[in-house]
Amino acid sequence: MSPPDEKGSLPVTEQTSTRMGAVGVTLAVLVAVLATATLMSQFFRNSVGVIATTLAGELGLDPDQLGLVASSFFLIFALCQIPVGIVIDRWGPRTALLGSGLFVVAGSIVFASATGQAGLVAGRLLLGIGCSTFFMAPLVVYARSFDPAVFASLTGFQIAFSSLGTLIATAPLGWMTATHGWRSAFLLAAAVSALLLLAILLVVRGPATGRLAGAKPETLRQAFAGIGAVVRTKGFVPLFLMSFSTYSTFGLIIGLWGGPYLAHVHGADLAMQGKVLFAMALAQIIGTMAWGSADRIAGAYKPVAVTGAALSLVLMAALILGGAASPLAAAVLMAVLGFSCAFTPVLVAHSKALFPPELTGRGLSLINMGTMSGSFATQWITGLAVKGVAGGAAVYPLTAFQLAFAMQAALLACATLAYLRAPDPRRGL
């Protein structure tokens, strides 16, 4: 370390180094808080899967009722994306996060207090409203704060870190449910959410977290006109459809039918269900980092996303046709499927490349609307399908799960064909 100058100050180079270090720490803390917000969203959205059989037994829920409980989160989350995009672009990501965070705390308490389907759905709806900003708002902060070249990698980190929430919603939630009950688990989640809200209040500050600098305030009419501009953007529809089908493939298994499939087809107990779903969530974390870097290596978005979709279709077909052969086969297929479906960072980066800065919030929010509405539609509709096959049976037959998985595979195949027509800005196409 260089000695101070005659006035007792550090040399300019060391002052600059110190300031840069402080800025780096501030950005690291900011990213940590924002990633934790998405972590909580991931926990809540996937928290039904491992406790589905417990909820069904304790509260007397049928397959279609379970499907509605799980999917209600995604329905309201999707419906919130248009107003969320407007709020982010009009008032800034910080305001959006703080306002919605209150609903998260309330929703977790309501869910923990539920005595039937109505209470569970009410809690999930509040949670969906609350978590509706927890992914898009951080991405807008990153888009404003970091170089576009690192956006996909940063998005990959955001999703990978937040996927710890999905991990917590598997084996740890299963253990908590078996040891202390699912109600205690959600009361604890409410307390953690309250602490997160305080961290957002204290840490998420600065120009990138407020209204976009230099932008003229829009009227509400102009704000909604911006939504029309997003929808008319070339490539929006194929990316919307791909987002609709990709995450919902992962969510259908880890967030709803994975646990019941393992229990009813292979006789797995709560602990074993949690372990298999934990492996699937862990594979997704690895996958988000891998796919997030692959687009830079390929120099394009579409080849990476299409490769991930094709691999996912192969694995879905194998699960449908051979998953019943043994618990090990089902576990391995589910885990690898967690990896193959994890190319969401590529779709997000591809989407961001289509929109100008003033439409980033609304553009990404509408793409995310596709992600969440896909999860709602597939979980709700497959719930009806499983109910149609299983009837009132306490143990659902293998054919019920095969039908649900086949419906999802068909959706992903159609979306992939549509995505092939999307422009790829990184190739100038």
Protein backbone atom coordinates (compact mmCIF):
# COMPACT_ATOMS: atom_id res chain seq x y z
CA MET A 1 0.00 0.00 0.00
CA SER A 2 1.34 3.44 -0.96
CA PRO A 3 1.95 6.02 1.82
CA PRO A 4 -0.38 9.06 2.16
CA ASP A 5 0.65 12.30 0.42
CA GLU A 6 1.63 15.47 2.31
CA LYS A 7 -2.02 16.28 3.06
CA GLY A 8 -2.59 12.85 4.56
CA SER A 9 -4.69 11.59 1.63
CA LEU A 10 -4.22 8.36 -0.25
CA PRO A 11 -2.81 8.60 -3.80
CA VAL A 12 -5.38 9.13 -6.55
CA THR A 13 -4.92 5.59 -7.89
CA GLU A 14 -5.66 4.09 -4.48
CA GLN A 15 -8.62 6.42 -3.92
CA THR A 16 -10.00 5.28 -7.27
CA SER A 17 -9.38 1.64 -6.37
CA THR A 18 -11.14 2.09 -3.03
CA ARG A 19 -14.14 3.74 -4.67
CA MET A 20 -14.33 0.98 -7.28
CA GLY A 21 -14.22 -1.62 -4.54
CA ALA A 22 -17.05 0.10 -2.69
CA VAL A 23 -19.12 0.26 -5.87
CA GLY A 24 -18.47 -3.43 -6.47
CA VAL A 25 -19.64 -4.35 -2.97
CA THR A 26 -22.75 -2.18 -3.36
CA LEU A 27 -23.63 -3.85 -6.66
CA ALA A 28 -23.01 -7.30 -5.16
CA VAL A 29 -25.36 -6.57 -2.25
CA LEU A 30 -27.94 -5.17 -4.67
CA VAL A 31 -27.80 -8.30 -6.84
CA ALA A 32 -28.00 -10.52 -3.73
CA VAL A 33 -31.16 -8.80 -2.47
CA LEU A 34 -32.82 -8.82 -5.90
CA ALA A 35 -31.91 -12.47 -6.45
CA THR A 36 -33.35 -13.34 -3.04
CA ALA A 37 -36.64 -11.75 -4.05
CA THR A 38 -36.80 -14.06 -7.06
CA LEU A 39 -35.76 -16.94 -4.79
CA MET A 40 -38.86 -16.37 -2.66
CA SER A 41 -41.01 -16.26 -5.79
CA GLN A 42 -39.57 -19.58 -6.93
CA PHE A 43 -40.26 -21.11 -3.53
CA PHE A 44 -43.88 -20.03 -3.44
CA ARG A 45 -44.70 -20.94 -7.04
CA ASN A 46 -43.32 -24.50 -6.65
CA SER A 47 -44.30 -25.16 -3.04
CA VAL A 48 -47.40 -27.25 -3.78
CA GLY A 49 -45.61 -30.16 -5.50
CA VAL A 50 -43.99 -31.84 -2.50
CA ILE A 51 -46.95 -31.24 -0.16
CA ALA A 52 -49.67 -32.08 -2.72
CA THR A 53 -50.39 -35.53 -1.31
CA THR A 54 -50.41 -34.08 2.24
CA LEU A 55 -52.85 -31.33 1.28
CA ALA A 56 -55.07 -33.80 -0.57
CA GLY A 57 -55.21 -36.16 2.40
CA GLU A 58 -55.58 -33.52 5.12
CA LEU A 59 -58.09 -31.26 3.37
CA GLY A 60 -59.80 -33.81 1.12
CA LEU A 61 -58.80 -32.33 -2.24
CA ASP A 62 -59.43 -34.02 -5.61
CA PRO A 63 -56.93 -33.85 -8.52
CA ASP A 64 -58.80 -30.99 -10.20
CA GLN A 65 -58.89 -29.07 -6.91
CA LEU A 66 -55.16 -29.60 -6.44
CA GLY A 67 -54.62 -28.36 -9.98
CA LEU A 68 -56.58 -25.17 -9.25
CA VAL A 69 -54.72 -24.54 -6.00
CA ALA A 70 -51.34 -24.87 -7.71
CA SER A 71 -52.30 -22.98 -10.88
CA SER A 72 -54.10 -20.05 -9.21
CA PHE A 73 -50.72 -18.51 -8.35
CA PHE A 74 -49.74 -18.49 -12.02
CA LEU A 75 -53.09 -17.12 -13.20
CA ILE A 76 -52.99 -13.97 -11.10
CA PHE A 77 -49.23 -13.63 -11.62
CA ALA A 78 -49.81 -13.60 -15.39
CA LEU A 79 -52.70 -11.13 -15.19
CA CYS A 80 -50.54 -8.78 -13.13
CA GLN A 81 -47.81 -8.55 -15.76
CA ILE A 82 -49.42 -5.77 -17.80
CA PRO A 83 -49.86 -3.42 -14.81
CA VAL A 84 -46.46 -4.50 -13.46
CA GLY A 85 -44.77 -3.50 -16.72
CA ILE A 86 -46.50 -0.11 -16.62
CA VAL A 87 -45.57 0.47 -12.97
CA ILE A 88 -41.92 -0.45 -13.61
CA ASP A 89 -41.61 1.84 -16.63
CA ARG A 90 -43.65 4.67 -15.06
CA TRP A 91 -42.47 4.67 -11.40
CA GLY A 92 -39.47 2.36 -11.33
CA PRO A 93 -38.59 -1.18 -10.16
CA ARG A 94 -38.11 -0.16 -6.49
CA THR A 95 -41.67 1.10 -6.12
CA ALA A 96 -43.00 -2.04 -7.81
CA LEU A 97 -41.04 -4.34 -5.47
CA LEU A 98 -42.03 -2.54 -2.28
CA GLY A 99 -45.71 -2.36 -3.17
CA SER A 100 -46.03 -6.01 -4.12
CA GLY A 101 -43.94 -7.33 -1.23
CA LEU A 102 -46.73 -6.61 1.24
CA PHE A 103 -48.98 -9.06 -0.61
CA VAL A 104 -46.35 -11.79 -0.25
CA VAL A 105 -46.36 -11.56 3.54
CA ALA A 106 -50.17 -11.52 3.65
CA GLY A 107 -50.52 -14.39 1.18
CA SER A 108 -48.18 -16.69 3.07
CA ILE A 109 -50.14 -16.12 6.29
CA VAL A 110 -53.50 -16.72 4.56
CA PHE A 111 -52.21 -19.95 2.96
CA ALA A 112 -50.90 -21.18 6.31
CA SER A 113 -54.30 -20.52 7.91
CA ALA A 114 -56.40 -22.23 5.21
CA THR A 115 -58.91 -24.91 6.15
CA GLY A 116 -59.98 -25.86 2.63
CA GLN A 117 -59.55 -25.21 -1.07
CA ALA A 118 -60.95 -21.66 -0.88
CA GLY A 119 -58.38 -20.55 1.71
CA LEU A 120 -55.52 -22.19 -0.17
CA VAL A 121 -56.54 -20.48 -3.42
CA ALA A 122 -56.93 -17.12 -1.67
CA GLY A 123 -53.43 -17.43 -0.24
CA ARG A 124 -51.98 -18.45 -3.61
CA LEU A 125 -53.69 -15.51 -5.33
CA LEU A 126 -52.19 -13.04 -2.85
CA LEU A 127 -48.79 -14.69 -3.28
CA GLY A 128 -49.10 -14.47 -7.06
CA ILE A 129 -49.83 -10.73 -6.87
CA GLY A 130 -46.95 -10.21 -4.47
CA CYS A 131 -44.39 -12.19 -6.47
CA SER A 132 -45.45 -10.69 -9.81
CA THR A 133 -42.65 -8.08 -9.68
CA PHE A 134 -39.94 -10.29 -8.18
CA PHE A 135 -38.40 -11.35 -11.50
CA MET A 136 -39.12 -8.57 -13.99
CA ALA A 137 -38.20 -5.66 -11.68
CA PRO A 138 -34.69 -7.05 -11.00
CA LEU A 139 -34.15 -7.68 -14.71
CA VAL A 140 -35.01 -4.06 -15.51
CA VAL A 141 -32.51 -2.92 -12.87
CA TYR A 142 -29.85 -5.11 -14.52
CA ALA A 143 -30.76 -3.89 -18.00
CA ARG A 144 -30.22 -0.30 -16.82
CA SER A 145 -27.09 -0.99 -14.76
CA PHE A 146 -24.98 -3.47 -16.72
CA ASP A 147 -23.52 -3.89 -20.21
CA PRO A 148 -25.84 -5.80 -22.59
CA ALA A 149 -23.06 -8.33 -23.25
CA VAL A 150 -23.36 -9.69 -19.71
CA PHE A 151 -27.15 -9.49 -19.43
CA ALA A 152 -27.79 -13.13 -20.35
CA SER A 153 -25.15 -14.35 -17.89
CA LEU A 154 -26.51 -12.10 -15.16
CA THR A 155 -30.02 -13.34 -15.92
CA GLY A 156 -28.68 -16.87 -15.70
CA PHE A 157 -27.17 -16.11 -12.30
CA GLN A 158 -30.44 -14.53 -11.15
CA ILE A 159 -32.42 -17.60 -12.14
CA ALA A 160 -29.78 -20.04 -10.84
CA PHE A 161 -29.54 -18.34 -7.45
CA SER A 162 -33.29 -17.94 -7.22
CA SER A 163 -33.67 -21.63 -8.02
CA LEU A 164 -32.46 -22.25 -4.49
CA GLY A 165 -36.06 -21.36 -3.69
CA THR A 166 -37.16 -24.29 -5.82
CA LEU A 167 -34.69 -26.49 -3.93
CA ILE A 168 -36.13 -25.32 -0.62
CA ALA A 169 -39.60 -26.20 -1.93
CA THR A 170 -38.54 -29.84 -2.37
CA ALA A 171 -36.74 -31.94 0.27
CA PRO A 172 -36.42 -29.15 2.91
CA LEU A 173 -40.13 -28.32 2.66
CA GLY A 174 -40.92 -32.03 2.77
CA TRP A 175 -38.85 -32.37 5.94
CA MET A 176 -40.45 -29.29 7.50
CA THR A 177 -43.91 -30.62 6.64
CA ALA A 178 -43.19 -34.04 8.12
CA THR A 179 -41.58 -32.56 11.25
CA HIS A 180 -43.50 -29.37 12.03
CA GLY A 181 -46.37 -29.28 9.51
CA TRP A 182 -46.88 -27.31 6.32
CA ARG A 183 -48.62 -24.48 8.18
CA SER A 184 -45.51 -23.75 10.24
CA ALA A 185 -43.43 -23.79 7.07
CA PHE A 186 -45.54 -21.03 5.49
CA LEU A 187 -45.60 -18.92 8.64
CA LEU A 188 -41.79 -19.07 8.60
CA ALA A 189 -41.86 -18.07 4.93
CA ALA A 190 -44.00 -15.05 5.86
CA ALA A 191 -41.39 -13.92 8.39
CA VAL A 192 -38.57 -14.31 5.87
CA SER A 193 -40.58 -12.32 3.32
CA ALA A 194 -41.00 -9.48 5.82
CA LEU A 195 -37.23 -9.34 6.32
CA LEU A 196 -36.75 -9.32 2.55
CA LEU A 197 -39.10 -6.35 2.25
CA LEU A 198 -36.97 -4.46 4.75
CA ALA A 199 -33.80 -5.30 2.78
CA ILE A 200 -35.38 -3.99 -0.44
CA LEU A 201 -36.28 -0.75 1.32
CA LEU A 202 -32.71 -0.26 2.54
CA VAL A 203 -30.64 -1.60 -0.38
CA VAL A 204 -32.52 -1.15 -3.66
CA ARG A 205 -31.75 2.51 -4.34
CA GLY A 206 -30.19 4.65 -7.07
CA PRO A 207 -31.02 5.92 -10.57
CA ALA A 208 -31.45 2.45 -12.05
CA THR A 209 -34.19 1.59 -9.54
CA GLY A 210 -36.43 4.58 -10.18
CA ARG A 211 -38.02 6.19 -13.21
CA LEU A 212 -35.80 5.97 -16.29
CA ALA A 213 -33.53 9.04 -16.38
CA GLY A 214 -34.39 11.52 -19.14
CA ALA A 215 -37.66 9.79 -19.98
CA LYS A 216 -40.73 11.99 -20.22
CA PRO A 217 -43.58 10.90 -17.92
CA GLU A 218 -46.16 8.92 -19.91
CA THR A 219 -49.88 9.28 -19.63
CA LEU A 220 -51.78 6.08 -18.90
CA ARG A 221 -53.01 6.14 -22.49
CA GLN A 222 -49.43 6.27 -23.74
CA ALA A 223 -48.45 3.52 -21.30
CA PHE A 224 -51.11 1.18 -22.68
CA ALA A 225 -50.18 2.20 -26.22
CA GLY A 226 -46.69 0.92 -25.40
CA ILE A 227 -48.20 -2.50 -24.73
CA GLY A 228 -49.59 -2.49 -28.23
CA ALA A 229 -46.15 -1.58 -29.56
CA VAL A 230 -44.66 -4.55 -27.71
CA VAL A 231 -47.23 -6.98 -29.11
CA ARG A 232 -46.61 -5.70 -32.64
CA THR A 233 -42.84 -6.19 -32.32
CA LYS A 234 -41.58 -8.75 -34.82
CA GLY A 235 -40.80 -11.97 -33.00
CA PHE A 236 -42.94 -11.26 -29.93
CA VAL A 237 -45.54 -13.97 -30.63
CA PRO A 238 -43.06 -16.86 -31.19
CA LEU A 239 -41.14 -15.89 -28.04
CA PHE A 240 -44.38 -15.59 -26.06
CA LEU A 241 -45.39 -19.10 -27.13
CA MET A 242 -41.96 -20.53 -26.34
CA SER A 243 -42.01 -18.93 -22.90
CA PHE A 244 -45.57 -20.23 -22.44
CA SER A 245 -44.47 -23.82 -22.91
CA THR A 246 -40.88 -24.01 -21.60
CA TYR A 247 -41.12 -23.15 -17.91
CA SER A 248 -44.52 -24.81 -17.66
CA THR A 249 -42.89 -28.11 -18.66
CA PHE A 250 -40.58 -27.87 -15.66
CA GLY A 251 -43.28 -26.46 -13.38
CA LEU A 252 -45.83 -29.13 -14.29
CA ILE A 253 -43.61 -31.80 -12.75
CA ILE A 254 -41.79 -30.06 -9.92
CA GLY A 255 -44.71 -27.84 -8.95
CA LEU A 256 -47.64 -30.26 -9.21
CA TRP A 257 -47.48 -33.81 -10.62
CA GLY A 258 -43.94 -34.94 -9.80
CA GLY A 259 -44.73 -35.77 -6.18
CA PRO A 260 -48.05 -37.55 -6.87
CA TYR A 261 -46.47 -39.45 -9.81
CA LEU A 262 -43.70 -40.79 -7.60
CA ALA A 263 -46.15 -41.60 -4.79
CA HIS A 264 -48.90 -43.25 -6.84
CA VAL A 265 -46.83 -44.99 -9.53
CA HIS A 266 -43.74 -45.92 -7.49
CA GLY A 267 -45.01 -45.80 -3.88
CA ALA A 268 -42.48 -43.13 -2.87
CA ASP A 269 -42.91 -41.57 0.57
CA LEU A 270 -42.68 -37.82 1.28
CA ALA A 271 -38.93 -37.97 1.90
CA MET A 272 -38.22 -39.79 -1.37
CA GLN A 273 -40.46 -37.41 -3.33
CA GLY A 274 -38.54 -34.49 -1.86
CA LYS A 275 -35.17 -35.99 -2.78
CA VAL A 276 -36.12 -36.63 -6.41
CA LEU A 277 -37.61 -33.17 -6.85
CA PHE A 278 -34.55 -31.72 -5.11
CA ALA A 279 -32.34 -33.40 -7.73
CA MET A 280 -34.53 -31.94 -10.48
CA ALA A 281 -34.28 -28.45 -8.99
CA LEU A 282 -30.51 -28.77 -8.56
CA ALA A 283 -30.17 -29.81 -12.20
CA GLN A 284 -32.16 -26.72 -13.18
CA ILE A 285 -29.70 -24.49 -11.32
CA ILE A 286 -26.79 -26.06 -13.20
CA GLY A 287 -28.74 -25.77 -16.43
CA THR A 288 -29.52 -22.07 -16.08
CA MET A 289 -25.83 -21.28 -15.70
CA ALA A 290 -24.87 -23.55 -18.60
CA TRP A 291 -27.57 -22.37 -21.02
CA GLY A 292 -27.00 -18.73 -19.99
CA SER A 293 -23.39 -18.99 -21.16
CA ALA A 294 -24.09 -21.12 -24.22
CA ASP A 295 -25.71 -18.29 -26.19
CA ARG A 296 -22.44 -16.32 -26.05
CA ILE A 297 -20.50 -19.34 -27.28
CA ALA A 298 -22.98 -19.99 -30.10
CA GLY A 299 -23.24 -16.29 -30.98
CA ALA A 300 -27.00 -16.70 -31.39
CA TYR A 301 -30.14 -17.33 -29.35
CA LYS A 302 -32.25 -19.70 -31.45
CA PRO A 303 -29.88 -22.68 -31.85
CA VAL A 304 -29.41 -22.86 -28.07
CA ALA A 305 -33.12 -22.62 -27.25
CA VAL A 306 -34.12 -25.12 -29.93
CA THR A 307 -31.50 -27.59 -28.67
CA GLY A 308 -32.89 -27.32 -25.13
CA ALA A 309 -36.46 -27.77 -26.35
CA ALA A 310 -35.58 -30.80 -28.48
CA LEU A 311 -33.77 -32.47 -25.57
CA SER A 312 -36.76 -31.76 -23.31
CA LEU A 313 -39.13 -33.40 -25.80
CA VAL A 314 -36.98 -36.54 -25.94
CA LEU A 315 -36.93 -36.74 -22.14
CA MET A 316 -40.69 -36.18 -21.87
CA ALA A 317 -41.26 -39.01 -24.34
CA ALA A 318 -38.96 -41.27 -22.32
CA LEU A 319 -40.79 -40.40 -19.09
CA ILE A 320 -44.16 -41.16 -20.69
CA LEU A 321 -43.05 -44.47 -22.19
CA GLY A 322 -40.45 -45.72 -19.71
CA GLY A 323 -40.77 -43.75 -16.48
CA ALA A 324 -42.84 -46.48 -14.86
CA ALA A 325 -40.10 -49.08 -15.35
CA SER A 326 -38.39 -48.23 -12.06
CA PRO A 327 -38.16 -45.42 -9.49
CA LEU A 328 -34.53 -44.86 -10.55
CA ALA A 329 -35.49 -44.39 -14.20
CA ALA A 330 -38.17 -41.87 -13.28
CA ALA A 331 -35.80 -39.99 -10.95
CA VAL A 332 -33.03 -39.77 -13.57
CA LEU A 333 -35.40 -38.61 -16.30
CA MET A 334 -36.91 -35.95 -14.06
CA ALA A 335 -33.48 -34.68 -12.98
CA VAL A 336 -32.14 -34.41 -16.55
CA LEU A 337 -35.40 -32.75 -17.61
CA GLY A 338 -34.71 -30.10 -14.98
CA PHE A 339 -31.45 -29.35 -16.81
CA SER A 340 -32.89 -29.41 -20.32
CA CYS A 341 -35.77 -27.02 -19.54
CA ALA A 342 -33.47 -24.43 -17.97
CA PHE A 343 -32.79 -22.32 -21.06
CA THR A 344 -35.09 -19.52 -19.85
CA PRO A 345 -32.12 -17.05 -19.63
CA VAL A 346 -31.65 -17.42 -23.38
CA LEU A 347 -35.33 -16.69 -24.03
CA VAL A 348 -35.20 -13.66 -21.73
CA ALA A 349 -32.07 -12.30 -23.41
CA HIS A 350 -33.59 -12.96 -26.83
CA SER A 351 -36.74 -11.10 -25.77
CA LYS A 352 -34.82 -8.14 -24.36
CA ALA A 353 -32.94 -7.77 -27.64
CA LEU A 354 -36.24 -7.14 -29.45
CA PHE A 355 -37.40 -4.11 -27.42
CA PRO A 356 -36.12 -0.50 -27.14
CA PRO A 357 -35.16 0.74 -23.61
CA GLU A 358 -38.43 2.60 -23.03
CA LEU A 359 -40.38 -0.64 -23.61
CA THR A 360 -38.08 -3.02 -21.74
CA GLY A 361 -40.28 -3.26 -18.64
CA ARG A 362 -43.47 -3.90 -20.56
CA GLY A 363 -41.79 -6.15 -23.11
CA LEU A 364 -40.19 -8.45 -20.56
CA SER A 365 -43.32 -8.38 -18.40
CA LEU A 366 -45.49 -9.56 -21.29
CA ILE A 367 -43.01 -12.34 -22.08
CA ASN A 368 -43.13 -13.31 -18.42
CA MET A 369 -46.91 -13.21 -18.68
CA GLY A 370 -46.51 -16.00 -21.22
CA THR A 371 -44.36 -17.96 -18.79
CA MET A 372 -46.84 -17.69 -15.94
CA SER A 373 -50.02 -18.10 -17.99
CA GLY A 374 -48.50 -21.25 -19.47
CA SER A 375 -48.01 -22.68 -15.99
CA PHE A 376 -51.57 -21.77 -15.02
CA ALA A 377 -53.12 -23.26 -18.14
CA THR A 378 -51.14 -26.50 -18.10
CA GLN A 379 -51.57 -27.18 -14.38
CA TRP A 380 -55.28 -26.40 -14.42
CA ILE A 381 -56.07 -28.29 -17.64
CA THR A 382 -53.97 -31.34 -16.73
CA GLY A 383 -55.70 -31.34 -13.34
CA LEU A 384 -58.99 -31.77 -15.16
CA ALA A 385 -57.43 -34.45 -17.38
CA VAL A 386 -56.06 -36.42 -14.44
CA LYS A 387 -59.43 -36.14 -12.68
CA GLY A 388 -61.15 -37.42 -15.84
CA VAL A 389 -58.97 -40.52 -15.93
CA ALA A 390 -58.63 -41.15 -12.20
CA GLY A 391 -62.21 -40.35 -11.24
CA GLY A 392 -62.58 -40.68 -7.49
CA ALA A 393 -59.71 -43.14 -7.07
CA ALA A 394 -57.43 -42.49 -4.11
CA VAL A 395 -54.47 -43.70 -6.16
CA TYR A 396 -54.19 -42.18 -9.63
CA PRO A 397 -53.42 -44.66 -12.43
CA LEU A 398 -50.30 -44.42 -14.58
CA THR A 399 -52.40 -43.50 -17.64
CA ALA A 400 -53.57 -40.31 -15.92
CA PHE A 401 -50.00 -39.06 -15.58
CA GLN A 402 -49.06 -40.21 -19.08
CA LEU A 403 -51.93 -38.16 -20.49
CA ALA A 404 -50.86 -35.06 -18.56
CA PHE A 405 -47.24 -35.37 -19.68
CA ALA A 406 -48.23 -36.08 -23.31
CA MET A 407 -50.39 -32.94 -23.39
CA GLN A 408 -47.42 -30.89 -22.18
CA ALA A 409 -45.04 -32.45 -24.72
CA ALA A 410 -47.44 -31.65 -27.56
CA LEU A 411 -47.62 -28.02 -26.42
CA LEU A 412 -43.82 -27.71 -26.28
CA ALA A 413 -43.45 -29.25 -29.75
CA CYS A 414 -45.91 -26.78 -31.31
CA ALA A 415 -44.26 -23.81 -29.57
CA THR A 416 -40.81 -24.88 -30.79
CA LEU A 417 -42.03 -25.00 -34.38
CA ALA A 418 -43.43 -21.46 -34.00
CA TYR A 419 -40.18 -20.26 -32.41
CA LEU A 420 -38.20 -21.30 -35.47
CA ARG A 421 -39.74 -18.29 -37.26
CA ALA A 422 -38.56 -15.74 -34.67
CA PRO A 423 -35.87 -13.22 -35.74
CA ASP A 424 -32.46 -13.63 -34.10
CA PRO A 425 -30.89 -10.17 -33.54
CA ARG A 426 -27.47 -11.63 -32.77
CA ARG A 427 -27.31 -13.09 -36.25
CA GLY A 428 -28.87 -10.05 -37.89
CA LEU A 429 -31.86 -12.14 -38.98
